[in-house]
Amino acid sequence: KEMHIVYFAPLTHKQFKALIDLGERITYPNGTFLTRADEPCRKLYFILSGKADMTNSNGRHTSKLQKGNFPNCMSFQRIGWESSKRDRNCTAYGSIQCEGEVECIVWDDRKLLALLDASPNDDMRLAL
């Protein structure tokens, strides 16, 4: 309930439950790359606990990520949320590496976009 209120408040309880049920909780060990710059990126991550470090395609540090962050949401926004556009140029804009153990909710982009496409009034689309 706290996660709904703090991070997903614009969604109704029903919408939040549908979103969470679609995702998978995964714990990644230290050093795991969630994304690698310029490589295919077919998942959206939400950090539940732990920290990750993000670098751009040149290897320059750009951000520290932690609980409550969507590490690769810009990859999704850059391409767009339309499922017809996701099959092309679906690459990460940076590398995201876990610093210690990191627990995430992970969504497959095709399943997430199917949920969004099924939402008649764009009411499932969050401003990430």
C-alpha atoms as a PDB file:
ATOM      1  CA  LYS A   1       0.000   0.000   0.000  1.00  0.00           C
ATOM      2  CA  GLU A   2       2.805   2.420   0.837  1.00  0.00           C
ATOM      3  CA  MET A   3       4.444   1.822  -2.554  1.00  0.00           C
ATOM      4  CA  HIS A   4       1.148   2.661  -4.274  1.00  0.00           C
ATOM      5  CA  ILE A   5       0.739   5.929  -2.393  1.00  0.00           C
ATOM      6  CA  VAL A   6       4.364   7.059  -2.592  1.00  0.00           C
ATOM      7  CA  TYR A   7       5.299   6.069  -6.162  1.00  0.00           C
ATOM      8  CA  PHE A   8       2.116   5.322  -8.099  1.00  0.00           C
ATOM      9  CA  ALA A   9      -0.483   7.663  -6.553  1.00  0.00           C
ATOM     10  CA  PRO A  10      -2.036   8.712  -9.901  1.00  0.00           C
ATOM     11  CA  LEU A  11      -3.216   5.122 -10.436  1.00  0.00           C
ATOM     12  CA  THR A  12      -6.351   3.690  -8.888  1.00  0.00           C
ATOM     13  CA  HIS A  13      -5.920   0.635  -6.671  1.00  0.00           C
ATOM     14  CA  LYS A  14      -7.180  -1.574  -9.511  1.00  0.00           C
ATOM     15  CA  GLN A  15      -4.706  -0.071 -12.009  1.00  0.00           C
ATOM     16  CA  PHE A  16      -1.848  -0.350  -9.520  1.00  0.00           C
ATOM     17  CA  LYS A  17      -2.655  -4.011  -8.833  1.00  0.00           C
ATOM     18  CA  ALA A  18      -2.768  -4.779 -12.578  1.00  0.00           C
ATOM     19  CA  LEU A  19       0.618  -3.108 -13.054  1.00  0.00           C
ATOM     20  CA  ILE A  20       2.277  -4.845 -10.103  1.00  0.00           C
ATOM     21  CA  ASP A  21       0.793  -8.233 -11.015  1.00  0.00           C
ATOM     22  CA  LEU A  22       2.295  -7.878 -14.489  1.00  0.00           C
ATOM     23  CA  GLY A  23       5.801  -7.299 -13.137  1.00  0.00           C
ATOM     24  CA  GLU A  24       8.222  -9.804 -11.675  1.00  0.00           C
ATOM     25  CA  ARG A  25      10.239  -9.233  -8.488  1.00  0.00           C
ATOM     26  CA  ILE A  26      13.876 -10.057  -9.138  1.00  0.00           C
ATOM     27  CA  THR A  27      16.913  -9.631  -6.903  1.00  0.00           C
ATOM     28  CA  TYR A  28      20.138  -8.998  -8.788  1.00  0.00           C
ATOM     29  CA  PRO A  29      23.592  -9.616  -7.295  1.00  0.00           C
ATOM     30  CA  ASN A  30      26.352  -7.034  -7.075  1.00  0.00           C
ATOM     31  CA  GLY A  31      27.850  -6.133 -10.437  1.00  0.00           C
ATOM     32  CA  THR A  32      24.881  -7.227 -12.554  1.00  0.00           C
ATOM     33  CA  PHE A  33      24.155  -5.001 -15.540  1.00  0.00           C
ATOM     34  CA  LEU A  34      20.451  -4.199 -15.882  1.00  0.00           C
ATOM     35  CA  THR A  35      21.159  -2.479 -19.185  1.00  0.00           C
ATOM     36  CA  ARG A  36      24.175  -1.897 -21.399  1.00  0.00           C
ATOM     37  CA  ALA A  37      24.498   1.212 -23.537  1.00  0.00           C
ATOM     38  CA  ASP A  38      23.394   0.797 -27.144  1.00  0.00           C
ATOM     39  CA  GLU A  39      22.229  -2.792 -26.581  1.00  0.00           C
ATOM     40  CA  PRO A  40      18.624  -3.997 -26.796  1.00  0.00           C
ATOM     41  CA  CYS A  41      16.502  -2.945 -23.829  1.00  0.00           C
ATOM     42  CA  ARG A  42      13.223  -4.875 -23.600  1.00  0.00           C
ATOM     43  CA  LYS A  43      12.523  -4.460 -19.884  1.00  0.00           C
ATOM     44  CA  LEU A  44      11.491  -1.641 -17.572  1.00  0.00           C
ATOM     45  CA  TYR A  45      12.919  -1.689 -14.041  1.00  0.00           C
ATOM     46  CA  PHE A  46      11.668  -0.140 -10.800  1.00  0.00           C
ATOM     47  CA  ILE A  47      14.124  -0.293  -7.893  1.00  0.00           C
ATOM     48  CA  LEU A  48      12.607  -1.582  -4.648  1.00  0.00           C
ATOM     49  CA  SER A  49      15.876  -1.689  -2.692  1.00  0.00           C
ATOM     50  CA  GLY A  50      19.560  -1.220  -3.276  1.00  0.00           C
ATOM     51  CA  LYS A  51      21.513   1.097  -5.543  1.00  0.00           C
ATOM     52  CA  ALA A  52      22.767   1.122  -9.103  1.00  0.00           C
ATOM     53  CA  ASP A  53      25.198   3.274 -11.034  1.00  0.00           C
ATOM     54  CA  MET A  54      24.441   4.609 -14.492  1.00  0.00           C
ATOM     55  CA  THR A  55      26.979   5.600 -17.135  1.00  0.00           C
ATOM     56  CA  ASN A  56      26.361   6.987 -20.597  1.00  0.00           C
ATOM     57  CA  SER A  57      27.500   5.330 -23.819  1.00  0.00           C
ATOM     58  CA  ASN A  58      30.945   6.955 -23.393  1.00  0.00           C
ATOM     59  CA  GLY A  59      31.340   5.362 -19.939  1.00  0.00           C
ATOM     60  CA  ARG A  60      30.949   8.673 -18.095  1.00  0.00           C
ATOM     61  CA  HIS A  61      29.054   8.485 -14.804  1.00  0.00           C
ATOM     62  CA  THR A  62      25.659  10.146 -15.101  1.00  0.00           C
ATOM     63  CA  SER A  63      23.541   9.059 -12.144  1.00  0.00           C
ATOM     64  CA  LYS A  64      23.201   7.124  -8.890  1.00  0.00           C
ATOM     65  CA  LEU A  65      19.928   5.243  -8.769  1.00  0.00           C
ATOM     66  CA  GLN A  66      18.093   3.968  -5.708  1.00  0.00           C
ATOM     67  CA  LYS A  67      14.747   2.912  -4.264  1.00  0.00           C
ATOM     68  CA  GLY A  68      11.865   4.461  -6.152  1.00  0.00           C
ATOM     69  CA  ASN A  69      13.751   5.054  -9.400  1.00  0.00           C
ATOM     70  CA  PHE A  70      12.885   3.753 -12.855  1.00  0.00           C
ATOM     71  CA  PRO A  71      16.477   3.362 -14.091  1.00  0.00           C
ATOM     72  CA  ASN A  72      15.776   3.001 -17.784  1.00  0.00           C
ATOM     73  CA  CYS A  73      12.517   4.880 -18.220  1.00  0.00           C
ATOM     74  CA  MET A  74      14.153   7.320 -20.639  1.00  0.00           C
ATOM     75  CA  SER A  75      14.846   4.458 -23.053  1.00  0.00           C
ATOM     76  CA  PHE A  76      11.124   3.801 -23.078  1.00  0.00           C
ATOM     77  CA  GLN A  77      10.184   7.460 -23.380  1.00  0.00           C
ATOM     78  CA  ARG A  78      12.762   8.118 -26.089  1.00  0.00           C
ATOM     79  CA  ILE A  79      11.182   5.525 -28.372  1.00  0.00           C
ATOM     80  CA  GLY A  80       7.642   6.148 -27.245  1.00  0.00           C
ATOM     81  CA  TRP A  81       4.995   4.125 -25.535  1.00  0.00           C
ATOM     82  CA  GLU A  82       3.316   2.959 -28.716  1.00  0.00           C
ATOM     83  CA  SER A  83       3.776  -0.769 -29.187  1.00  0.00           C
ATOM     84  CA  SER A  84       4.180  -0.380 -32.956  1.00  0.00           C
ATOM     85  CA  LYS A  85       7.322   1.748 -32.416  1.00  0.00           C
ATOM     86  CA  ARG A  86       8.970  -0.499 -29.809  1.00  0.00           C
ATOM     87  CA  ASP A  87      10.155  -3.113 -32.270  1.00  0.00           C
ATOM     88  CA  ARG A  88      12.631  -0.658 -33.787  1.00  0.00           C
ATOM     89  CA  ASN A  89      15.588   1.044 -32.119  1.00  0.00           C
ATOM     90  CA  CYS A  90      14.831  -0.437 -28.736  1.00  0.00           C
ATOM     91  CA  THR A  91      18.248   0.165 -27.192  1.00  0.00           C
ATOM     92  CA  ALA A  92      19.457   1.413 -23.821  1.00  0.00           C
ATOM     93  CA  TYR A  93      20.918   4.915 -23.761  1.00  0.00           C
ATOM     94  CA  GLY A  94      23.256   3.993 -20.887  1.00  0.00           C
ATOM     95  CA  SER A  95      24.652   1.143 -18.815  1.00  0.00           C
ATOM     96  CA  ILE A  96      23.102   0.476 -15.413  1.00  0.00           C
ATOM     97  CA  GLN A  97      25.112  -1.686 -13.008  1.00  0.00           C
ATOM     98  CA  CYS A  98      24.041  -2.884  -9.565  1.00  0.00           C
ATOM     99  CA  GLU A  99      26.086  -1.710  -6.582  1.00  0.00           C
ATOM    100  CA  GLY A 100      25.474  -4.491  -4.116  1.00  0.00           C
ATOM    101  CA  GLU A 101      22.248  -6.477  -4.181  1.00  0.00           C
ATOM    102  CA  VAL A 102      19.375  -4.715  -5.954  1.00  0.00           C
ATOM    103  CA  GLU A 103      15.728  -5.792  -5.829  1.00  0.00           C
ATOM    104  CA  CYS A 104      13.533  -4.630  -8.698  1.00  0.00           C
ATOM    105  CA  ILE A 105      10.116  -5.024 -10.173  1.00  0.00           C
ATOM    106  CA  VAL A 106      10.754  -5.869 -13.816  1.00  0.00           C
ATOM    107  CA  TRP A 107       8.264  -5.517 -16.646  1.00  0.00           C
ATOM    108  CA  ASP A 108       8.635  -7.021 -20.095  1.00  0.00           C
ATOM    109  CA  ASP A 109       7.973  -4.168 -22.513  1.00  0.00           C
ATOM    110  CA  ARG A 110       5.552  -6.132 -24.692  1.00  0.00           C
ATOM    111  CA  LYS A 111       3.375  -7.121 -21.738  1.00  0.00           C
ATOM    112  CA  LEU A 112       3.524  -3.629 -20.267  1.00  0.00           C
ATOM    113  CA  LEU A 113       2.597  -2.012 -23.562  1.00  0.00           C
ATOM    114  CA  ALA A 114      -0.265  -4.473 -24.053  1.00  0.00           C
ATOM    115  CA  LEU A 115      -1.620  -3.334 -20.672  1.00  0.00           C
ATOM    116  CA  LEU A 116      -1.230   0.314 -21.695  1.00  0.00           C
ATOM    117  CA  ASP A 117      -2.820  -0.307 -25.097  1.00  0.00           C
ATOM    118  CA  ALA A 118      -5.791  -1.951 -23.374  1.00  0.00           C
ATOM    119  CA  SER A 119      -6.342   1.192 -21.290  1.00  0.00           C
ATOM    120  CA  PRO A 120      -8.985   3.129 -23.228  1.00  0.00           C
ATOM    121  CA  ASN A 121      -8.240   6.653 -21.997  1.00  0.00           C
ATOM    122  CA  ASP A 122      -4.476   6.565 -21.427  1.00  0.00           C
ATOM    123  CA  ASP A 123      -5.259   6.388 -17.714  1.00  0.00           C
ATOM    124  CA  MET A 124      -2.516   3.779 -17.135  1.00  0.00           C
ATOM    125  CA  ARG A 125       0.194   5.999 -18.588  1.00  0.00           C
ATOM    126  CA  LEU A 126       2.387   7.424 -15.858  1.00  0.00           C
ATOM    127  CA  ALA A 127       4.577  10.450 -16.241  1.00  0.00           C
ATOM    128  CA  LEU A 128       7.800   8.679 -15.314  1.00  0.00           C
END
